[in-house]
C-alpha atoms as a PDB file:
ATOM      1  CA  UNK A   1     -75.843 -11.890  -6.958  1.00  0.00           C
ATOM      2  CA  UNK A   2     -73.610 -10.421  -9.979  1.00  0.00           C
ATOM      3  CA  UNK A   3     -77.218 -10.388 -11.584  1.00  0.00           C
ATOM      4  CA  UNK A   4     -77.692  -7.178  -9.405  1.00  0.00           C
ATOM      5  CA  UNK A   5     -74.990  -5.289  -9.211  1.00  0.00           C
ATOM      6  CA  UNK A   6     -74.415  -5.612 -13.428  1.00  0.00           C
ATOM      7  CA  UNK A   7     -78.598  -4.615 -13.518  1.00  0.00           C
ATOM      8  CA  UNK A   8     -77.781  -0.986 -10.716  1.00  0.00           C
ATOM      9  CA  UNK A   9     -74.645  -0.923 -12.954  1.00  0.00           C
ATOM     10  CA  UNK A  10     -76.920  -0.574 -16.262  1.00  0.00           C
ATOM     11  CA  UNK A  11     -78.978   1.524 -15.090  1.00  0.00           C
ATOM     12  CA  UNK A  12     -76.867   4.385 -13.303  1.00  0.00           C
ATOM     13  CA  UNK A  13     -75.114   3.737 -16.619  1.00  0.00           C
ATOM     14  CA  UNK A  14     -78.413   5.109 -18.772  1.00  0.00           C
ATOM     15  CA  UNK A  15     -79.216   7.511 -16.136  1.00  0.00           C
ATOM     16  CA  UNK A  16     -75.688   8.531 -16.665  1.00  0.00           C
ATOM     17  CA  UNK A  17     -75.736   9.019 -20.190  1.00  0.00           C
ATOM     18  CA  UNK A  18     -79.907  10.537 -20.501  1.00  0.00           C
ATOM     19  CA  UNK A  19     -77.626  13.329 -17.956  1.00  0.00           C
ATOM     20  CA  UNK A  20     -75.414  13.751 -20.294  1.00  0.00           C
ATOM     21  CA  UNK A  21     -77.442  13.786 -23.589  1.00  0.00           C
ATOM     22  CA  UNK A  22     -79.360  16.004 -21.594  1.00  0.00           C
ATOM     23  CA  UNK A  23     -76.663  18.926 -20.969  1.00  0.00           C
ATOM     24  CA  UNK A  24     -75.736  18.186 -25.354  1.00  0.00           C
ATOM     25  CA  UNK A  25     -79.273  19.245 -25.917  1.00  0.00           C
ATOM     26  CA  UNK A  26     -79.766  21.937 -23.707  1.00  0.00           C
ATOM     27  CA  UNK A  27     -76.907  22.960 -22.236  1.00  0.00           C
ATOM     28  CA  UNK A  28     -77.000  25.660 -19.242  1.00  0.00           C
ATOM     29  CA  UNK A  29     -78.200  29.658 -20.176  1.00  0.00           C
ATOM     30  CA  UNK A  30     -79.102  28.300 -23.305  1.00  0.00           C
ATOM     31  CA  UNK A  31     -82.308  29.988 -25.149  1.00  0.00           C
ATOM     32  CA  UNK A  32     -83.553  29.193 -28.601  1.00  0.00           C
ATOM     33  CA  UNK A  33     -83.722  32.544 -29.550  1.00  0.00           C
ATOM     34  CA  UNK A  34     -79.812  33.711 -28.884  1.00  0.00           C
ATOM     35  CA  UNK A  35     -78.819  36.813 -28.039  1.00  0.00           C
ATOM     36  CA  UNK A  36     -76.583  38.395 -30.391  1.00  0.00           C
ATOM     37  CA  UNK A  37     -76.239  41.161 -33.313  1.00  0.00           C
ATOM     38  CA  UNK A  38     -78.708  40.960 -35.890  1.00  0.00           C
ATOM     39  CA  UNK A  39     -78.724  41.400 -39.862  1.00  0.00           C
ATOM     40  CA  UNK A  40     -82.486  42.804 -39.165  1.00  0.00           C
ATOM     41  CA  UNK A  41     -84.539  43.176 -36.342  1.00  0.00           C
ATOM     42  CA  UNK A  42     -88.534  43.399 -36.638  1.00  0.00           C
ATOM     43  CA  UNK A  43     -91.145  45.287 -35.766  1.00  0.00           C
ATOM     44  CA  UNK A  44     -94.488  43.295 -34.693  1.00  0.00           C
ATOM     45  CA  UNK A  45     -97.024  45.603 -35.386  1.00  0.00           C
ATOM     46  CA  UNK A  46    -100.707  44.197 -34.103  1.00  0.00           C
ATOM     47  CA  UNK A  47    -103.457  47.720 -35.706  1.00  0.00           C
ATOM     48  CA  UNK A  48    -106.610  48.162 -36.842  1.00  0.00           C
ATOM     49  CA  UNK A  49    -108.335  48.664 -39.060  1.00  0.00           C
ATOM     50  CA  UNK A  50    -110.074  52.469 -38.882  1.00  0.00           C
ATOM     51  CA  UNK A  51    -108.216  52.309 -35.677  1.00  0.00           C
ATOM     52  CA  UNK A  52    -107.094  56.238 -34.905  1.00  0.00           C
ATOM     53  CA  UNK A  53    -104.213  55.537 -33.238  1.00  0.00           C
ATOM     54  CA  UNK A  54    -102.897  52.854 -35.811  1.00  0.00           C
ATOM     55  CA  UNK A  55    -103.112  55.451 -37.961  1.00  0.00           C
ATOM     56  CA  UNK A  56    -100.515  57.189 -36.488  1.00  0.00           C
ATOM     57  CA  UNK A  57     -98.334  54.374 -35.475  1.00  0.00           C
ATOM     58  CA  UNK A  58     -98.238  53.350 -39.151  1.00  0.00           C
ATOM     59  CA  UNK A  59     -96.785  55.342 -40.945  1.00  0.00           C
ATOM     60  CA  UNK A  60     -94.320  55.896 -38.023  1.00  0.00           C
ATOM     61  CA  UNK A  61     -93.650  52.810 -37.874  1.00  0.00           C
ATOM     62  CA  UNK A  62     -92.750  52.202 -41.673  1.00  0.00           C
ATOM     63  CA  UNK A  63     -90.710  55.728 -41.855  1.00  0.00           C
ATOM     64  CA  UNK A  64     -88.675  53.548 -39.207  1.00  0.00           C
ATOM     65  CA  UNK A  65     -87.999  50.659 -41.326  1.00  0.00           C
ATOM     66  CA  UNK A  66     -87.296  52.997 -44.635  1.00  0.00           C
ATOM     67  CA  UNK A  67     -84.762  54.459 -43.039  1.00  0.00           C
ATOM     68  CA  UNK A  68     -83.452  51.710 -41.929  1.00  0.00           C
ATOM     69  CA  UNK A  69     -82.363  48.963 -44.494  1.00  0.00           C
ATOM     70  CA  UNK A  70     -81.270  46.759 -41.032  1.00  0.00           C
ATOM     71  CA  UNK A  71     -85.019  47.379 -39.753  1.00  0.00           C
ATOM     72  CA  UNK A  72     -88.499  45.255 -41.178  1.00  0.00           C
ATOM     73  CA  UNK A  73     -91.806  46.357 -40.253  1.00  0.00           C
ATOM     74  CA  UNK A  74     -94.454  43.388 -39.864  1.00  0.00           C
ATOM     75  CA  UNK A  75     -98.512  44.477 -39.851  1.00  0.00           C
ATOM     76  CA  UNK A  76    -100.486  42.028 -38.732  1.00  0.00           C
ATOM     77  CA  UNK A  77    -104.365  43.659 -39.202  1.00  0.00           C
ATOM     78  CA  UNK A  78    -106.895  41.886 -36.486  1.00  0.00           C
ATOM     79  CA  UNK A  79    -110.687  43.339 -37.117  1.00  0.00           C
ATOM     80  CA  UNK A  80    -110.814  41.508 -39.948  1.00  0.00           C
ATOM     81  CA  UNK A  81    -108.199  38.226 -39.692  1.00  0.00           C
ATOM     82  CA  UNK A  82    -109.232  35.231 -37.071  1.00  0.00           C
ATOM     83  CA  UNK A  83    -105.169  34.537 -37.761  1.00  0.00           C
ATOM     84  CA  UNK A  84    -104.099  37.766 -36.901  1.00  0.00           C
ATOM     85  CA  UNK A  85    -106.141  37.809 -33.563  1.00  0.00           C
ATOM     86  CA  UNK A  86    -104.774  34.052 -33.042  1.00  0.00           C
ATOM     87  CA  UNK A  87    -100.984  35.391 -33.931  1.00  0.00           C
ATOM     88  CA  UNK A  88    -101.475  38.224 -31.637  1.00  0.00           C
ATOM     89  CA  UNK A  89    -102.862  36.265 -28.372  1.00  0.00           C
ATOM     90  CA  UNK A  90     -99.973  33.882 -28.863  1.00  0.00           C
ATOM     91  CA  UNK A  91     -97.400  36.795 -28.994  1.00  0.00           C
ATOM     92  CA  UNK A  92     -99.944  38.052 -25.982  1.00  0.00           C
ATOM     93  CA  UNK A  93     -98.328  34.826 -24.303  1.00  0.00           C
ATOM     94  CA  UNK A  94     -94.742  34.845 -25.060  1.00  0.00           C
ATOM     95  CA  UNK A  95     -94.089  38.348 -23.933  1.00  0.00           C
ATOM     96  CA  UNK A  96     -96.398  37.437 -21.092  1.00  0.00           C
ATOM     97  CA  UNK A  97     -98.648  40.382 -21.164  1.00  0.00           C
ATOM     98  CA  UNK A  98    -102.432  40.659 -22.242  1.00  0.00           C
ATOM     99  CA  UNK A  99    -104.019  42.684 -25.948  1.00  0.00           C
ATOM    100  CA  UNK A 100    -106.094  44.774 -24.491  1.00  0.00           C
ATOM    101  CA  UNK A 101    -105.816  46.957 -27.431  1.00  0.00           C
ATOM    102  CA  UNK A 102    -104.383  48.616 -30.614  1.00  0.00           C
ATOM    103  CA  UNK A 103    -101.457  49.543 -32.251  1.00  0.00           C
ATOM    104  CA  UNK A 104     -99.719  47.513 -29.861  1.00  0.00           C
ATOM    105  CA  UNK A 105     -96.128  47.158 -31.553  1.00  0.00           C
ATOM    106  CA  UNK A 106     -93.319  44.348 -30.504  1.00  0.00           C
ATOM    107  CA  UNK A 107     -89.620  44.643 -30.623  1.00  0.00           C
ATOM    108  CA  UNK A 108     -87.101  41.944 -29.459  1.00  0.00           C
ATOM    109  CA  UNK A 109     -88.319  41.556 -26.285  1.00  0.00           C
ATOM    110  CA  UNK A 110     -90.196  44.205 -25.207  1.00  0.00           C
ATOM    111  CA  UNK A 111     -93.718  45.796 -26.324  1.00  0.00           C
ATOM    112  CA  UNK A 112     -95.610  48.959 -26.527  1.00  0.00           C
ATOM    113  CA  UNK A 113     -99.447  49.391 -26.525  1.00  0.00           C
ATOM    114  CA  UNK A 114    -101.383  52.443 -28.047  1.00  0.00           C
ATOM    115  CA  UNK A 115     -99.213  54.788 -29.345  1.00  0.00           C
ATOM    116  CA  UNK A 116     -97.201  58.685 -29.306  1.00  0.00           C
ATOM    117  CA  UNK A 117     -94.003  60.484 -30.008  1.00  0.00           C
ATOM    118  CA  UNK A 118     -92.257  58.638 -26.727  1.00  0.00           C
ATOM    119  CA  UNK A 119     -93.473  55.067 -28.136  1.00  0.00           C
ATOM    120  CA  UNK A 120     -91.768  55.954 -31.482  1.00  0.00           C
ATOM    121  CA  UNK A 121     -88.690  57.729 -30.009  1.00  0.00           C
ATOM    122  CA  UNK A 122     -88.319  53.895 -28.054  1.00  0.00           C
ATOM    123  CA  UNK A 123     -89.104  51.325 -31.223  1.00  0.00           C
ATOM    124  CA  UNK A 124     -85.839  53.238 -32.351  1.00  0.00           C
ATOM    125  CA  UNK A 125     -84.510  53.103 -28.925  1.00  0.00           C
ATOM    126  CA  UNK A 126     -84.546  49.306 -28.741  1.00  0.00           C
ATOM    127  CA  UNK A 127     -83.912  48.761 -33.020  1.00  0.00           C
ATOM    128  CA  UNK A 128     -80.459  49.896 -32.350  1.00  0.00           C
ATOM    129  CA  UNK A 129     -79.350  48.348 -29.544  1.00  0.00           C
ATOM    130  CA  UNK A 130     -81.143  45.160 -31.405  1.00  0.00           C
ATOM    131  CA  UNK A 131     -78.606  45.718 -34.452  1.00  0.00           C
ATOM    132  CA  UNK A 132     -75.061  47.003 -32.409  1.00  0.00           C
ATOM    133  CA  UNK A 133     -75.197  45.079 -29.799  1.00  0.00           C
ATOM    134  CA  UNK A 134     -78.062  42.178 -30.207  1.00  0.00           C
ATOM    135  CA  UNK A 135     -81.587  41.530 -28.503  1.00  0.00           C
ATOM    136  CA  UNK A 136     -83.092  38.210 -28.050  1.00  0.00           C
ATOM    137  CA  UNK A 137     -86.019  38.476 -29.802  1.00  0.00           C
ATOM    138  CA  UNK A 138     -89.829  36.593 -28.997  1.00  0.00           C
ATOM    139  CA  UNK A 139     -91.293  37.072 -31.820  1.00  0.00           C
ATOM    140  CA  UNK A 140     -89.048  35.569 -34.396  1.00  0.00           C
ATOM    141  CA  UNK A 141     -90.422  32.162 -33.068  1.00  0.00           C
ATOM    142  CA  UNK A 142     -94.075  32.885 -33.828  1.00  0.00           C
ATOM    143  CA  UNK A 143     -93.474  34.283 -37.561  1.00  0.00           C
ATOM    144  CA  UNK A 144     -92.498  31.703 -41.180  1.00  0.00           C
ATOM    145  CA  UNK A 145     -91.000  34.554 -42.151  1.00  0.00           C
ATOM    146  CA  UNK A 146     -90.571  32.443 -45.483  1.00  0.00           C
ATOM    147  CA  UNK A 147     -93.475  34.131 -46.742  1.00  0.00           C
ATOM    148  CA  UNK A 148     -92.870  37.555 -46.040  1.00  0.00           C
ATOM    149  CA  UNK A 149     -91.192  39.563 -48.235  1.00  0.00           C
ATOM    150  CA  UNK A 150     -88.310  42.027 -47.085  1.00  0.00           C
ATOM    151  CA  UNK A 151     -89.609  45.625 -46.315  1.00  0.00           C
ATOM    152  CA  UNK A 152     -92.737  44.599 -46.417  1.00  0.00           C
ATOM    153  CA  UNK A 153     -93.622  48.017 -44.683  1.00  0.00           C
ATOM    154  CA  UNK A 154     -97.315  48.074 -46.201  1.00  0.00           C
ATOM    155  CA  UNK A 155     -99.829  47.904 -43.616  1.00  0.00           C
ATOM    156  CA  UNK A 156    -101.333  44.536 -44.044  1.00  0.00           C
ATOM    157  CA  UNK A 157    -101.765  40.896 -43.750  1.00  0.00           C
ATOM    158  CA  UNK A 158     -98.718  39.052 -43.471  1.00  0.00           C
ATOM    159  CA  UNK A 159     -98.873  35.188 -42.972  1.00  0.00           C
ATOM    160  CA  UNK A 160     -98.585  33.353 -39.555  1.00  0.00           C
ATOM    161  CA  UNK A 161     -96.909  30.220 -38.364  1.00  0.00           C
ATOM    162  CA  UNK A 162    -100.058  28.595 -36.953  1.00  0.00           C
ATOM    163  CA  UNK A 163    -100.647  27.135 -34.438  1.00  0.00           C
ATOM    164  CA  UNK A 164    -100.572  23.135 -35.665  1.00  0.00           C
ATOM    165  CA  UNK A 165     -97.083  23.751 -37.215  1.00  0.00           C
ATOM    166  CA  UNK A 166     -95.649  24.420 -33.851  1.00  0.00           C
ATOM    167  CA  UNK A 167     -96.824  22.124 -32.387  1.00  0.00           C
ATOM    168  CA  UNK A 168     -95.554  19.336 -35.508  1.00  0.00           C
ATOM    169  CA  UNK A 169     -91.896  20.758 -34.705  1.00  0.00           C
ATOM    170  CA  UNK A 170     -92.493  20.844 -30.868  1.00  0.00           C
ATOM    171  CA  UNK A 171     -93.815  16.739 -31.854  1.00  0.00           C
ATOM    172  CA  UNK A 172     -91.596  15.929 -34.186  1.00  0.00           C
ATOM    173  CA  UNK A 173     -88.555  17.323 -32.089  1.00  0.00           C
ATOM    174  CA  UNK A 174     -89.414  15.187 -28.923  1.00  0.00           C
ATOM    175  CA  UNK A 175     -89.766  12.068 -30.731  1.00  0.00           C
ATOM    176  CA  UNK A 176     -86.669  12.488 -32.328  1.00  0.00           C
ATOM    177  CA  UNK A 177     -85.928  12.278 -27.858  1.00  0.00           C
ATOM    178  CA  UNK A 178     -88.137   9.466 -27.602  1.00  0.00           C
ATOM    179  CA  UNK A 179     -85.660   6.939 -30.328  1.00  0.00           C
ATOM    180  CA  UNK A 180     -82.604   8.956 -29.116  1.00  0.00           C
ATOM    181  CA  UNK A 181     -83.353   7.240 -26.038  1.00  0.00           C
ATOM    182  CA  UNK A 182     -84.888   4.265 -27.323  1.00  0.00           C
ATOM    183  CA  UNK A 183     -81.257   3.741 -29.622  1.00  0.00           C
ATOM    184  CA  UNK A 184     -79.605   3.892 -26.562  1.00  0.00           C
ATOM    185  CA  UNK A 185     -81.379   1.765 -24.268  1.00  0.00           C
ATOM    186  CA  UNK A 186     -81.243  -1.348 -26.937  1.00  0.00           C
ATOM    187  CA  UNK A 187     -77.785  -1.285 -28.640  1.00  0.00           C
ATOM    188  CA  UNK A 188     -75.102   1.247 -26.918  1.00  0.00           C
ATOM    189  CA  UNK A 189     -76.415  -0.214 -23.070  1.00  0.00           C
ATOM    190  CA  UNK A 190     -75.723  -3.600 -23.538  1.00  0.00           C
ATOM    191  CA  UNK A 191     -72.661  -3.524 -25.101  1.00  0.00           C
ATOM    192  CA  UNK A 192     -70.795  -1.212 -22.316  1.00  0.00           C
ATOM    193  CA  UNK A 193     -72.564  -4.088 -20.188  1.00  0.00           C
ATOM    194  CA  UNK A 194     -71.141  -7.493 -21.551  1.00  0.00           C
END
């Protein structure tokens, strides 16, 4: 009878450790991309060569970035770059929208399709809020900023974090959690059951 009680105790202890570990790794309400004032706010701009609306949007967005050193314009031409097309669809998924055309701009957790002076004003307002109060930048996790020079505002193709890189990062994190759980099960739990 004592063996079954100890076995139940070790299962309960194991379950309790899993729950505690989950709360430590993923606290309630935590977001991987926090909404705190940012030093640099990003405009993710998807465009196409020869697109008339893009010819208007590009210079307006470039002017916004040039007027504020804390704003960085990241341009992704999609007509001639398959990696940028894939990134465009990844952005669409992250922002809960279906990419349909260019120009499309993403700032913080908002997006705009097409171009008008009204859109430029909305983007400027969103950037101001990000810089003063903070915002959640959904695009930040999708683009490898290490390969992008600061204030690179020319309309050119910029490197995107590949899907494979993202999958490898997530897999490595999951593997680390599994290894940690195995250590807890094999090393720490038997010590409590003595």
